[in-house]
N, C-alpha and C. Protein backbone atom coordinates (compact mmCIF):
# COMPACT_ATOMS: atom_id res chain seq x y z
N MET A 1 -11.64 -2.72 1.03
CA MET A 1 -10.27 -1.69 0.69
C MET A 1 -11.09 -0.23 0.35
N LEU A 2 -10.17 0.55 1.02
CA LEU A 2 -10.46 2.20 0.93
C LEU A 2 -10.87 2.55 -0.42
N PRO A 3 -11.64 3.62 -0.63
CA PRO A 3 -11.64 4.13 -1.82
C PRO A 3 -10.72 5.15 -1.91
N VAL A 4 -10.30 5.68 -2.98
CA VAL A 4 -9.41 6.33 -3.32
C VAL A 4 -9.80 7.60 -4.06
N ASN A 5 -9.28 8.86 -3.40
CA ASN A 5 -9.90 10.06 -3.95
C ASN A 5 -8.94 11.14 -3.82
N VAL A 6 -7.56 11.24 -4.29
CA VAL A 6 -6.50 11.68 -4.26
C VAL A 6 -5.94 12.09 -5.96
N SER A 7 -5.76 13.42 -6.01
CA SER A 7 -5.46 13.62 -7.39
C SER A 7 -4.07 13.85 -7.54
N LEU A 8 -3.57 12.88 -8.34
CA LEU A 8 -2.37 12.60 -8.67
C LEU A 8 -2.00 13.07 -10.15
N THR A 9 -0.74 13.69 -10.13
CA THR A 9 -0.26 14.07 -11.62
C THR A 9 1.19 13.20 -12.03
N ASN A 10 2.02 12.99 -10.91
CA ASN A 10 3.19 12.28 -11.13
C ASN A 10 3.15 10.83 -11.72
N LYS A 11 4.14 10.45 -12.61
CA LYS A 11 4.36 9.34 -13.16
C LYS A 11 4.75 8.26 -12.13
N PRO A 12 4.81 7.37 -12.28
CA PRO A 12 5.33 5.99 -11.17
C PRO A 12 6.85 6.43 -11.18
N MET A 13 7.22 6.45 -10.06
CA MET A 13 9.04 6.73 -9.71
C MET A 13 9.54 5.44 -9.67
N HIS A 14 8.96 4.39 -9.43
CA HIS A 14 9.58 2.85 -9.26
C HIS A 14 9.10 2.04 -9.90
N THR A 15 9.83 0.71 -10.16
CA THR A 15 9.81 -0.22 -10.80
C THR A 15 8.47 -1.17 -10.32
N ASP A 16 7.94 -2.06 -11.24
CA ASP A 16 6.67 -2.66 -10.82
C ASP A 16 6.92 -3.75 -9.93
N ASN A 17 8.40 -3.98 -10.10
CA ASN A 17 8.52 -5.06 -9.05
C ASN A 17 8.33 -4.80 -7.66
N ILE A 18 8.59 -3.76 -6.94
CA ILE A 18 8.22 -3.26 -5.48
C ILE A 18 6.59 -3.56 -5.54
N ALA A 19 5.97 -2.97 -6.44
CA ALA A 19 4.42 -3.13 -6.37
C ALA A 19 3.89 -4.39 -6.60
N LYS A 20 4.55 -5.47 -7.04
CA LYS A 20 4.36 -6.94 -7.22
C LYS A 20 4.77 -7.59 -5.72
N GLN A 21 5.92 -7.09 -5.23
CA GLN A 21 6.27 -7.44 -4.04
C GLN A 21 5.06 -7.18 -2.72
N ILE A 22 4.78 -5.99 -2.81
CA ILE A 22 3.87 -5.57 -1.80
C ILE A 22 2.81 -6.47 -2.02
N ILE A 23 2.14 -6.24 -2.89
CA ILE A 23 0.86 -6.77 -3.22
C ILE A 23 0.96 -8.78 -3.22
N SER A 24 2.23 -9.05 -3.09
CA SER A 24 2.51 -10.70 -2.78
C SER A 24 2.20 -10.88 -1.45
N LEU A 25 2.87 -9.82 -0.54
CA LEU A 25 2.79 -9.59 0.85
C LEU A 25 1.19 -9.91 1.42
N LYS A 26 0.65 -9.05 0.77
CA LYS A 26 -0.81 -9.10 1.11
C LYS A 26 -1.57 -10.40 1.01
N ALA A 27 -1.32 -10.75 -0.14
CA ALA A 27 -1.75 -12.21 -0.58
C ALA A 27 -1.77 -13.06 0.06
N LYS A 28 -0.56 -13.26 0.89
CA LYS A 28 -0.33 -14.28 2.13
C LYS A 28 -0.95 -14.03 3.24
N ASP A 29 -1.16 -12.82 3.44
CA ASP A 29 -2.10 -12.49 4.62
C ASP A 29 -3.50 -13.05 4.16
N ASP A 30 -3.98 -12.66 3.11
CA ASP A 30 -5.57 -12.70 2.76
C ASP A 30 -5.72 -14.32 2.89
N GLN A 31 -4.68 -15.14 2.20
CA GLN A 31 -4.74 -16.40 1.96
C GLN A 31 -4.69 -17.06 3.61
N LEU A 32 -3.99 -16.91 4.35
CA LEU A 32 -4.02 -17.49 5.71
C LEU A 32 -5.57 -16.83 6.52
N ARG A 33 -5.59 -15.78 6.14
CA ARG A 33 -6.87 -15.10 6.64
C ARG A 33 -8.32 -16.18 6.36
N ALA A 34 -8.33 -16.42 5.20
CA ALA A 34 -9.42 -17.19 4.72
C ALA A 34 -9.26 -18.34 5.12
N LYS A 35 -8.12 -19.02 5.50
CA LYS A 35 -8.04 -20.39 5.91
C LYS A 35 -8.79 -20.28 7.27
N LEU A 36 -8.18 -19.48 7.94
CA LEU A 36 -8.76 -19.30 9.46
C LEU A 36 -10.09 -19.16 9.55
N ILE A 37 -10.59 -18.33 8.75
CA ILE A 37 -12.18 -18.17 8.53
C ILE A 37 -13.00 -19.79 8.44
N ARG A 38 -12.19 -20.18 7.31
CA ARG A 38 -12.94 -21.39 6.93
C ARG A 38 -13.13 -22.70 7.87
N LYS A 39 -12.11 -22.60 8.91
CA LYS A 39 -11.82 -23.13 10.08
C LYS A 39 -12.75 -22.71 11.41
N GLY A 40 -13.34 -21.47 11.14
CA GLY A 40 -13.72 -21.03 12.40
C GLY A 40 -13.16 -20.45 13.42
N GLU A 41 -11.67 -20.40 13.24
CA GLU A 41 -10.53 -20.10 14.09
C GLU A 41 -10.29 -18.31 14.18
N LEU A 42 -11.00 -17.75 13.38
CA LEU A 42 -10.38 -16.14 13.28
C LEU A 42 -10.66 -15.49 14.53
N SER A 43 -11.45 -15.90 15.34
CA SER A 43 -11.80 -15.39 16.72
C SER A 43 -11.11 -15.95 17.62
N ASP A 44 -10.40 -16.77 17.57
CA ASP A 44 -9.87 -17.51 18.72
C ASP A 44 -8.55 -17.20 19.17
N GLY A 45 -8.34 -15.75 19.68
CA GLY A 45 -7.11 -15.38 19.94
C GLY A 45 -6.20 -14.79 18.94
N TYR A 46 -5.14 -14.77 19.05
CA TYR A 46 -4.02 -14.11 18.07
C TYR A 46 -3.35 -15.45 17.53
N ASN A 47 -3.74 -16.06 16.48
CA ASN A 47 -3.19 -17.27 15.90
C ASN A 47 -1.82 -17.16 15.66
N SER A 48 -1.13 -18.12 16.23
CA SER A 48 0.36 -17.98 16.30
C SER A 48 1.10 -18.00 14.74
N ASP A 49 0.49 -18.49 13.73
CA ASP A 49 0.99 -18.85 12.47
C ASP A 49 0.51 -17.12 11.77
N MET A 50 -0.42 -16.70 11.95
CA MET A 50 -0.64 -15.37 11.65
C MET A 50 0.20 -14.29 12.26
N GLU A 51 0.56 -14.58 13.73
CA GLU A 51 1.54 -13.49 14.09
C GLU A 51 2.61 -13.53 13.36
N ALA A 52 3.13 -14.80 13.07
CA ALA A 52 4.40 -15.13 12.52
C ALA A 52 4.58 -14.13 11.15
N LEU A 53 3.25 -14.58 10.45
CA LEU A 53 3.31 -14.02 8.85
C LEU A 53 3.26 -12.35 9.09
N LEU A 54 2.50 -12.00 9.74
CA LEU A 54 2.03 -10.39 9.89
C LEU A 54 3.65 -9.62 10.24
N ASN A 55 3.78 -10.23 11.21
CA ASN A 55 5.59 -9.89 11.80
C ASN A 55 6.51 -9.81 10.24
N CYS A 56 6.64 -10.75 9.97
CA CYS A 56 7.13 -11.11 8.44
C CYS A 56 6.71 -9.86 7.54
N ASN A 57 5.93 -9.74 7.36
CA ASN A 57 5.19 -8.72 6.13
C ASN A 57 5.72 -7.47 6.81
N ALA A 58 5.38 -7.11 7.91
CA ALA A 58 5.92 -5.69 8.48
C ALA A 58 7.32 -5.17 8.31
N LYS A 59 8.14 -6.72 8.44
CA LYS A 59 9.63 -6.43 8.33
C LYS A 59 9.80 -6.04 7.02
N ALA A 60 9.34 -6.90 5.83
CA ALA A 60 9.82 -6.82 4.35
C ALA A 60 9.04 -5.24 4.11
N LEU A 61 7.88 -5.24 4.49
CA LEU A 61 7.62 -3.66 4.15
C LEU A 61 8.35 -2.67 4.70
N GLN A 62 8.81 -2.85 5.92
CA GLN A 62 9.60 -1.70 6.34
C GLN A 62 10.81 -1.45 5.67
N GLN A 63 11.71 -2.63 4.98
CA GLN A 63 12.72 -2.28 4.19
C GLN A 63 12.54 -1.65 2.98
N ILE A 64 11.07 -1.83 2.62
CA ILE A 64 10.62 -1.14 1.37
C ILE A 64 10.53 0.44 1.44
N MET A 65 10.02 0.64 2.65
CA MET A 65 9.65 2.11 3.13
C MET A 65 10.84 2.58 3.38
N ASP A 66 11.99 2.02 3.90
CA ASP A 66 13.31 2.76 4.30
C ASP A 66 13.90 3.31 2.97
N SER A 67 13.46 2.49 1.78
CA SER A 67 14.08 2.81 0.61
C SER A 67 12.99 3.88 -0.15
N ILE A 68 11.78 3.68 0.03
CA ILE A 68 11.14 4.84 -0.93
C ILE A 68 9.78 5.52 -0.16
N GLY A 69 9.92 5.57 0.96
CA GLY A 69 9.05 5.94 1.86
C GLY A 69 7.81 5.38 1.82
N PHE A 70 6.55 6.17 2.27
CA PHE A 70 5.44 5.60 2.04
C PHE A 70 5.04 5.17 0.77
N PRO A 71 4.64 3.95 0.37
CA PRO A 71 4.30 3.56 -0.78
C PRO A 71 2.71 4.08 -1.59
N THR A 72 3.30 5.40 -1.99
CA THR A 72 2.09 6.10 -2.40
C THR A 72 1.55 5.53 -3.71
N ILE A 73 0.50 6.02 -4.28
CA ILE A 73 -0.02 5.82 -5.43
C ILE A 73 0.80 5.87 -6.70
N ASP A 74 1.53 7.17 -6.61
CA ASP A 74 2.25 7.69 -7.73
C ASP A 74 3.63 6.64 -7.51
N LYS A 75 3.93 6.12 -6.45
CA LYS A 75 4.82 5.06 -6.58
C LYS A 75 4.93 3.85 -7.10
N VAL A 76 3.72 3.56 -6.50
CA VAL A 76 3.51 1.68 -6.67
C VAL A 76 2.39 1.55 -7.35
N GLY A 77 1.32 2.61 -7.37
CA GLY A 77 0.11 2.25 -8.05
C GLY A 77 -0.98 1.93 -6.97
N GLU A 78 -2.10 2.24 -7.38
CA GLU A 78 -3.31 1.98 -6.13
C GLU A 78 -3.23 0.62 -5.44
N GLU A 79 -3.26 -0.36 -6.28
CA GLU A 79 -3.36 -1.86 -5.73
C GLU A 79 -2.67 -1.91 -4.45
N ALA A 80 -1.13 -1.65 -4.88
CA ALA A 80 0.33 -1.87 -3.93
C ALA A 80 0.05 -0.84 -2.85
N SER A 81 -0.57 0.25 -3.25
CA SER A 81 -0.69 1.35 -1.93
C SER A 81 -1.42 0.91 -0.97
N ASN A 82 -2.74 0.56 -1.31
CA ASN A 82 -3.93 -0.13 -0.57
C ASN A 82 -3.38 -1.60 0.26
N ALA A 83 -2.47 -2.10 -0.59
CA ALA A 83 -1.89 -3.40 -0.07
C ALA A 83 -1.12 -3.02 1.18
N ALA A 84 -0.05 -2.06 1.05
CA ALA A 84 0.73 -1.40 2.03
C ALA A 84 -0.06 -1.12 3.19
N TRP A 85 -1.21 -0.12 3.00
CA TRP A 85 -1.76 0.08 4.07
C TRP A 85 -2.49 -0.66 4.93
N ILE A 86 -3.00 -1.91 4.37
CA ILE A 86 -3.43 -3.27 5.03
C ILE A 86 -2.44 -3.81 5.61
N ILE A 87 -1.54 -3.92 5.31
CA ILE A 87 -0.01 -4.86 6.00
C ILE A 87 0.20 -3.82 7.39
N ILE A 88 0.37 -2.71 6.95
CA ILE A 88 0.38 -1.88 8.33
C ILE A 88 -0.88 -1.94 9.45
N GLN A 89 -1.90 -2.06 9.04
CA GLN A 89 -2.95 -2.14 9.65
C GLN A 89 -3.06 -3.58 10.40
N HIS A 90 -2.41 -4.64 10.04
CA HIS A 90 -2.41 -5.90 10.72
C HIS A 90 -1.09 -6.07 11.25
N ALA A 91 -0.16 -5.08 11.15
CA ALA A 91 1.27 -5.42 12.01
C ALA A 91 0.97 -5.15 13.41
N ILE A 92 -0.06 -5.69 13.98
CA ILE A 92 -0.54 -5.08 15.59
C ILE A 92 0.43 -5.38 16.50
N GLY A 93 1.67 -6.57 16.24
CA GLY A 93 2.87 -6.42 17.15
C GLY A 93 3.85 -5.92 17.31
N GLN A 94 3.66 -4.67 16.21
CA GLN A 94 4.84 -3.84 15.74
C GLN A 94 4.32 -2.55 15.94
N PRO A 95 4.40 -2.19 17.16
CA PRO A 95 3.88 -0.79 17.45
C PRO A 95 4.73 0.65 16.98
N GLU A 96 6.13 0.20 16.99
CA GLU A 96 6.95 1.33 16.43
C GLU A 96 6.73 1.37 15.03
N PHE A 97 6.63 0.34 14.17
CA PHE A 97 6.60 0.48 12.87
C PHE A 97 5.34 0.81 12.42
N MET A 98 4.12 0.72 13.14
CA MET A 98 2.81 1.43 12.64
C MET A 98 2.99 2.95 13.02
N LYS A 99 3.68 3.26 14.32
CA LYS A 99 3.53 4.69 14.42
C LYS A 99 4.56 5.30 13.22
N GLU A 100 5.75 4.65 13.02
CA GLU A 100 6.64 5.22 12.13
C GLU A 100 5.65 5.38 10.76
N SER A 101 4.96 4.27 10.38
CA SER A 101 4.15 4.29 8.97
C SER A 101 3.06 5.42 9.07
N ALA A 102 2.61 5.52 10.47
CA ALA A 102 1.58 6.55 10.44
C ALA A 102 1.82 8.01 10.10
N ALA A 103 3.24 8.37 10.68
CA ALA A 103 3.93 9.46 10.38
C ALA A 103 4.21 9.75 8.79
N LEU A 104 4.79 8.79 8.04
CA LEU A 104 4.91 8.57 6.71
C LEU A 104 3.55 8.91 5.80
N LEU A 105 2.89 8.29 6.66
CA LEU A 105 1.24 8.48 5.76
C LEU A 105 1.03 9.87 5.96
N LYS A 106 0.80 10.28 6.80
CA LYS A 106 0.26 11.63 7.19
C LYS A 106 0.96 12.67 6.45
N GLN A 107 2.36 12.35 6.41
CA GLN A 107 3.20 13.34 5.25
C GLN A 107 2.56 13.36 3.64
N ALA A 108 2.25 12.01 3.43
CA ALA A 108 1.58 11.59 2.34
C ALA A 108 0.16 12.19 1.93
N VAL A 109 -0.43 11.79 3.18
CA VAL A 109 -1.81 12.67 2.99
C VAL A 109 -1.49 14.36 2.88
N ASP A 110 -0.87 14.86 3.70
CA ASP A 110 -0.58 16.22 3.77
C ASP A 110 -0.20 16.96 2.06
N ASN A 111 0.50 16.03 1.27
CA ASN A 111 0.81 16.40 0.21
C ASN A 111 -0.18 15.77 -0.88
N ASN A 112 -1.05 15.43 -0.35
CA ASN A 112 -2.30 15.00 -1.35
C ASN A 112 -1.86 13.66 -2.02
N GLN A 113 -0.95 13.12 -1.64
CA GLN A 113 -0.58 11.85 -2.17
C GLN A 113 -1.12 10.31 -1.54
N ALA A 114 -2.13 10.55 -0.80
CA ALA A 114 -2.54 9.16 0.05
C ALA A 114 -4.10 9.69 0.37
N ASN A 115 -4.75 8.48 0.73
CA ASN A 115 -6.05 8.87 1.11
C ASN A 115 -6.37 9.31 2.63
N PRO A 116 -6.74 10.09 2.93
CA PRO A 116 -7.12 10.67 4.57
C PRO A 116 -7.68 9.67 5.29
N THR A 117 -8.68 8.98 4.47
CA THR A 117 -9.30 7.69 5.39
C THR A 117 -8.24 6.34 5.78
N ALA A 118 -7.53 6.33 5.01
CA ALA A 118 -6.34 5.49 5.55
C ALA A 118 -5.94 5.95 6.54
N LEU A 119 -5.67 6.97 6.82
CA LEU A 119 -4.65 7.42 7.98
C LEU A 119 -5.64 7.84 9.19
N ALA A 120 -7.00 7.95 9.09
CA ALA A 120 -8.10 7.86 10.00
C ALA A 120 -7.90 6.71 10.78
N TYR A 121 -8.21 5.55 9.84
CA TYR A 121 -8.13 3.95 10.24
C TYR A 121 -7.00 3.96 11.15
N LEU A 122 -5.58 4.12 10.23
CA LEU A 122 -4.63 3.67 11.13
C LEU A 122 -4.45 4.38 12.68
N THR A 123 -4.60 5.74 12.51
CA THR A 123 -4.48 6.38 13.69
C THR A 123 -5.39 5.91 14.81
N ASP A 124 -6.85 5.58 14.32
CA ASP A 124 -7.75 4.93 15.48
C ASP A 124 -7.06 3.53 15.95
N ARG A 125 -6.53 2.88 15.04
CA ARG A 125 -6.12 1.59 15.54
C ARG A 125 -5.03 1.57 16.48
N ILE A 126 -4.03 2.67 16.41
CA ILE A 126 -3.10 2.92 16.96
C ILE A 126 -3.45 3.14 18.35
N ALA A 127 -4.29 4.41 18.53
CA ALA A 127 -5.03 4.67 19.52
C ALA A 127 -5.60 3.64 20.42
N VAL A 128 -6.57 2.63 19.93
CA VAL A 128 -7.19 1.46 20.62
C VAL A 128 -6.18 0.77 21.57
N PHE A 129 -5.04 0.31 20.43
CA PHE A 129 -4.28 -0.71 21.23
C PHE A 129 -3.62 0.19 22.55
N GLU A 130 -3.31 1.59 22.37
CA GLU A 130 -2.91 2.26 23.83
C GLU A 130 -3.96 2.47 24.63
N GLY A 131 -5.19 2.33 24.43
CA GLY A 131 -5.82 2.24 25.43
C GLY A 131 -6.67 3.83 25.26
N LYS A 132 -6.45 4.63 24.25
CA LYS A 132 -7.08 5.58 24.31
C LYS A 132 -8.28 5.84 23.19
N PRO A 133 -9.17 6.72 23.51
CA PRO A 133 -10.18 6.97 22.48
C PRO A 133 -9.94 7.07 20.91
N GLN A 134 -10.73 6.15 20.18
CA GLN A 134 -10.56 6.89 18.68
C GLN A 134 -11.49 7.87 18.27
N ARG A 135 -10.91 8.43 17.31
CA ARG A 135 -11.54 9.39 16.59
C ARG A 135 -12.59 9.60 15.86
N TYR A 136 -12.54 8.48 15.02
CA TYR A 136 -13.23 8.21 13.69
C TYR A 136 -14.18 6.86 13.75
N GLY A 137 -13.89 6.11 15.03
CA GLY A 137 -15.09 5.06 15.33
C GLY A 137 -14.69 3.88 14.09
N THR A 138 -13.47 3.54 13.70
CA THR A 138 -13.11 2.87 12.68
C THR A 138 -12.76 1.45 13.25
N GLN A 139 -12.39 1.26 14.68
CA GLN A 139 -12.23 -0.02 15.22
C GLN A 139 -13.39 -0.79 16.17
N PHE A 140 -13.23 -1.71 15.78
CA PHE A 140 -14.53 -2.67 16.41
C PHE A 140 -13.91 -3.89 17.44
N ASP A 141 -14.89 -4.18 18.28
CA ASP A 141 -14.24 -5.27 19.13
C ASP A 141 -15.70 -5.78 19.92
N TRP A 142 -15.58 -6.92 20.67
CA TRP A 142 -16.69 -7.74 21.25
C TRP A 142 -17.03 -6.90 22.56
N ASP A 143 -18.54 -6.38 22.58
CA ASP A 143 -18.65 -6.02 24.14
C ASP A 143 -19.17 -6.82 25.09
N ASP A 144 -19.41 -6.29 26.23
CA ASP A 144 -19.78 -7.30 27.24
C ASP A 144 -21.09 -8.13 26.93
N ASN A 145 -21.94 -7.49 25.98
CA ASN A 145 -23.30 -8.17 25.59
C ASN A 145 -22.96 -9.31 24.32
N GLY A 146 -21.55 -9.38 24.21
CA GLY A 146 -21.53 -10.22 22.89
C GLY A 146 -21.80 -9.95 21.65
N GLN A 147 -22.07 -8.47 21.68
CA GLN A 147 -22.09 -7.64 20.32
C GLN A 147 -20.80 -6.98 19.94
N LEU A 148 -20.51 -7.20 18.53
CA LEU A 148 -19.53 -6.37 17.96
C LEU A 148 -19.73 -4.74 18.05
N SER A 149 -19.02 -4.23 18.54
CA SER A 149 -19.34 -2.71 18.91
C SER A 149 -18.08 -1.96 18.56
N PRO A 150 -18.56 -0.64 18.28
CA PRO A 150 -17.02 0.38 18.44
C PRO A 150 -16.33 0.28 19.43
N ASN A 151 -15.03 0.33 19.37
CA ASN A 151 -14.05 0.57 20.65
C ASN A 151 -14.44 1.94 20.95
N LEU A 152 -13.91 2.31 22.16
CA LEU A 152 -14.19 3.91 22.99
C LEU A 152 -14.03 4.77 21.91
N VAL A 153 -14.84 5.96 21.88
CA VAL A 153 -14.53 6.79 21.02
C VAL A 153 -14.43 8.39 22.11
N ASP A 154 -13.91 9.36 21.47
CA ASP A 154 -13.87 10.53 22.38
C ASP A 154 -15.20 11.36 22.28
N ASP A 155 -16.00 11.44 21.22
CA ASP A 155 -17.11 12.27 21.31
C ASP A 155 -18.14 11.54 20.11
N LYS A 156 -19.11 10.75 20.27
CA LYS A 156 -19.82 10.25 19.22
C LYS A 156 -20.59 11.10 18.18
N GLU A 157 -20.77 12.32 18.85
CA GLU A 157 -21.35 12.94 17.43
C GLU A 157 -20.48 13.92 16.95
N LYS A 158 -19.08 14.11 17.34
CA LYS A 158 -18.00 14.54 16.64
C LYS A 158 -17.40 13.42 15.70
N VAL A 159 -17.46 12.38 16.37
CA VAL A 159 -17.07 11.23 15.39
C VAL A 159 -17.87 11.02 14.14
N ASN A 160 -19.19 11.15 14.07
CA ASN A 160 -20.07 11.02 12.98
C ASN A 160 -19.55 12.15 12.23
N GLN A 161 -19.28 13.41 12.63
CA GLN A 161 -19.18 14.60 11.88
C GLN A 161 -17.87 14.35 10.86
N ARG A 162 -16.83 13.76 11.54
CA ARG A 162 -15.34 13.35 11.11
C ARG A 162 -15.65 12.06 10.13
N ARG A 163 -16.46 11.34 10.48
CA ARG A 163 -16.71 10.32 9.29
C ARG A 163 -17.32 10.65 8.28
N GLU A 164 -18.16 11.37 8.51
CA GLU A 164 -18.94 12.25 7.45
C GLU A 164 -18.18 13.32 6.17
N ALA A 165 -17.13 13.88 7.03
CA ALA A 165 -16.28 14.67 6.03
C ALA A 165 -15.37 14.09 5.36
N LEU A 166 -15.09 12.57 5.86
CA LEU A 166 -14.27 11.48 5.05
C LEU A 166 -14.97 10.68 4.13
N GLY A 167 -16.54 10.99 4.15
CA GLY A 167 -17.13 10.48 3.21
C GLY A 167 -17.84 8.82 3.58
N LEU A 168 -17.45 8.71 5.13
CA LEU A 168 -17.53 7.22 5.76
C LEU A 168 -19.16 7.25 6.17
N LYS A 169 -19.74 5.95 6.19
CA LYS A 169 -21.18 5.96 6.69
C LYS A 169 -20.94 6.15 8.07
N THR A 170 -22.44 6.64 9.04
CA THR A 170 -22.31 6.66 10.08
C THR A 170 -21.91 5.66 11.07
N LEU A 171 -21.61 5.88 12.18
CA LEU A 171 -21.25 4.90 13.31
C LEU A 171 -22.07 3.72 13.24
N GLU A 172 -23.22 4.25 13.52
CA GLU A 172 -24.74 3.11 13.39
C GLU A 172 -24.77 2.29 12.46
N GLU A 173 -24.60 2.76 11.11
CA GLU A 173 -24.66 2.15 9.87
C GLU A 173 -23.68 0.97 9.39
N GLN A 174 -22.27 1.47 10.00
CA GLN A 174 -21.04 0.74 10.06
C GLN A 174 -21.12 -0.24 11.07
N THR A 175 -21.76 -0.10 12.18
CA THR A 175 -21.89 -1.08 13.37
C THR A 175 -22.65 -2.33 12.86
N ARG A 176 -23.67 -1.99 12.10
CA ARG A 176 -24.48 -3.04 11.13
C ARG A 176 -23.68 -3.85 10.31
N ILE A 177 -22.90 -3.20 9.55
CA ILE A 177 -22.12 -3.83 8.48
C ILE A 177 -21.14 -4.70 9.20
N MET A 178 -20.47 -4.43 10.11
CA MET A 178 -19.60 -5.09 10.79
C MET A 178 -20.00 -6.42 11.56
N ARG A 179 -21.18 -5.96 11.98
CA ARG A 179 -21.61 -7.35 12.73
C ARG A 179 -22.47 -8.55 11.80
N GLU A 180 -23.09 -7.79 10.45
CA GLU A 180 -23.09 -8.65 9.51
C GLU A 180 -21.94 -9.26 8.99
N GLN A 181 -20.75 -8.56 8.67
CA GLN A 181 -19.26 -9.45 8.45
C GLN A 181 -19.04 -10.37 9.06
N ALA A 182 -19.08 -10.20 10.56
CA ALA A 182 -18.53 -11.15 11.50
C ALA A 182 -19.44 -12.23 11.62
N SER A 183 -20.81 -12.23 11.36
CA SER A 183 -21.57 -13.37 11.13
C SER A 183 -21.16 -14.29 9.91
N LYS A 184 -20.91 -13.56 8.82
CA LYS A 184 -20.65 -14.48 7.67
C LYS A 184 -19.28 -15.07 7.91
N GLU A 185 -18.29 -14.55 8.69
CA GLU A 185 -16.81 -14.70 9.07
C GLU A 185 -16.71 -16.05 9.95
N ASN A 186 -18.15 -16.41 10.40
CA ASN A 186 -17.93 -17.32 11.59
C ASN A 186 -17.29 -16.67 12.62
N GLN A 187 -17.38 -15.41 12.88
CA GLN A 187 -16.58 -14.69 14.12
C GLN A 187 -17.16 -15.05 15.48
N HIS A 188 -16.99 -14.96 16.55
CA HIS A 188 -17.67 -14.80 17.72
C HIS A 188 -17.11 -14.52 18.70
N PRO A 189 -18.22 -13.82 20.06
CA PRO A 189 -17.53 -13.44 20.97
C PRO A 189 -16.70 -14.56 21.94
N PRO A 190 -15.60 -13.97 22.61
CA PRO A 190 -15.07 -14.95 23.56
C PRO A 190 -15.85 -15.29 24.70
N THR A 191 -15.38 -16.56 25.19
CA THR A 191 -16.24 -17.30 26.02
C THR A 191 -16.13 -16.78 27.52
N ASP A 192 -14.83 -16.35 27.57
CA ASP A 192 -14.40 -15.74 28.99
C ASP A 192 -13.91 -14.30 28.62
N PHE A 193 -15.04 -13.35 28.81
CA PHE A 193 -14.23 -12.07 28.64
C PHE A 193 -13.08 -11.51 29.72
N VAL A 194 -12.81 -12.26 30.93
CA VAL A 194 -12.23 -11.40 31.96
C VAL A 194 -10.79 -12.56 31.41
N GLU A 195 -10.64 -13.39 30.95
CA GLU A 195 -9.53 -14.13 30.60
C GLU A 195 -8.93 -13.35 29.42
N ARG A 196 -9.75 -13.38 28.68
CA ARG A 196 -9.36 -12.46 27.22
C ARG A 196 -8.72 -10.99 27.57
N LYS A 197 -9.17 -10.32 28.62
CA LYS A 197 -8.88 -9.13 28.67
C LYS A 197 -7.35 -9.08 29.32
N ARG A 198 -7.49 -10.27 30.29
CA ARG A 198 -6.13 -10.48 31.01
C ARG A 198 -5.04 -10.93 30.05
N ALA A 199 -5.42 -11.81 29.10
CA ALA A 199 -4.26 -11.95 27.91
C ALA A 199 -4.03 -10.96 27.02
N TYR A 200 -5.16 -10.21 26.56
CA TYR A 200 -4.77 -9.10 26.06
C TYR A 200 -3.94 -7.89 26.71
N ASP A 201 -4.25 -7.78 27.63
CA ASP A 201 -3.49 -6.47 28.53
C ASP A 201 -2.00 -7.28 28.61
N ALA A 202 -1.91 -8.61 28.76
CA ALA A 202 -0.43 -9.10 28.78
C ALA A 202 0.30 -8.75 27.43
N TRP A 203 -0.48 -9.32 26.60
CA TRP A 203 0.15 -9.08 25.26
C TRP A 203 0.52 -7.61 24.60
N ARG A 204 -0.29 -6.83 25.14
CA ARG A 204 0.12 -5.32 25.00
C ARG A 204 1.47 -4.65 25.84
N LYS A 205 1.52 -5.32 27.02
CA LYS A 205 2.64 -4.96 27.51
C LYS A 205 3.96 -5.56 26.81
N GLN A 206 3.66 -6.93 26.39
CA GLN A 206 4.94 -7.88 25.87
C GLN A 206 5.38 -6.93 24.60
N VAL A 207 4.60 -6.66 23.66
CA VAL A 207 4.59 -5.84 22.50
C VAL A 207 5.20 -4.31 22.81
N GLY A 208 4.94 -3.95 23.71
CA GLY A 208 5.23 -2.53 24.08
C GLY A 208 4.12 -1.46 23.73
N ARG A 209 2.64 -2.07 23.74
CA ARG A 209 1.54 -1.02 23.47
C ARG A 209 1.62 -0.11 24.83
N ILE A 210 1.39 -0.99 25.90
CA ILE A 210 1.53 -0.20 27.26
C ILE A 210 2.52 -0.47 28.19
N GLU A 211 2.78 0.35 29.25
CA GLU A 211 3.77 -0.21 30.33
C GLU A 211 2.91 -1.09 31.18
């Protein structure tokens, strides 16, 4: 979960019901993810049950944001705001939803109502799915050597400078952490990189990430 370092003075604008709903959506994600980890299936492609759940969560959160905008801390509290960001991050089959959410999140960051680190992660995630270099090196995938490594970045030196400005660890240190986490979660590289890339590109075309 991302650290929160924003200064907020406004009192909550909405009832606790919205916050509870968002937190509940994330809890369902966590539960299914934990189940896949226990079964050693988290790395085995895009699980159909997970895909259905994430799309459902995105639809529910979209309805909330249509009503209140981005769920900032002053609106729903820290836990629910972080949960909303995670739901957006995981909505990989909903490119327009992710882009619209990023625009709302940027407005919130500009108004000092959301964490700029959250925006960095979401911006990188969108870029990677579109085949573009990331600016902060937050997104990782298996490389040709079977190691979990950062996806393509625009400039490694500048990436570390940007990460430092946000209070993030260096790219090298984060790589070590990500590899340790993958090992604990029984994640493993694909057995056939060529087939994986073919399936990945086909999926990106299907959901509208690339033409």
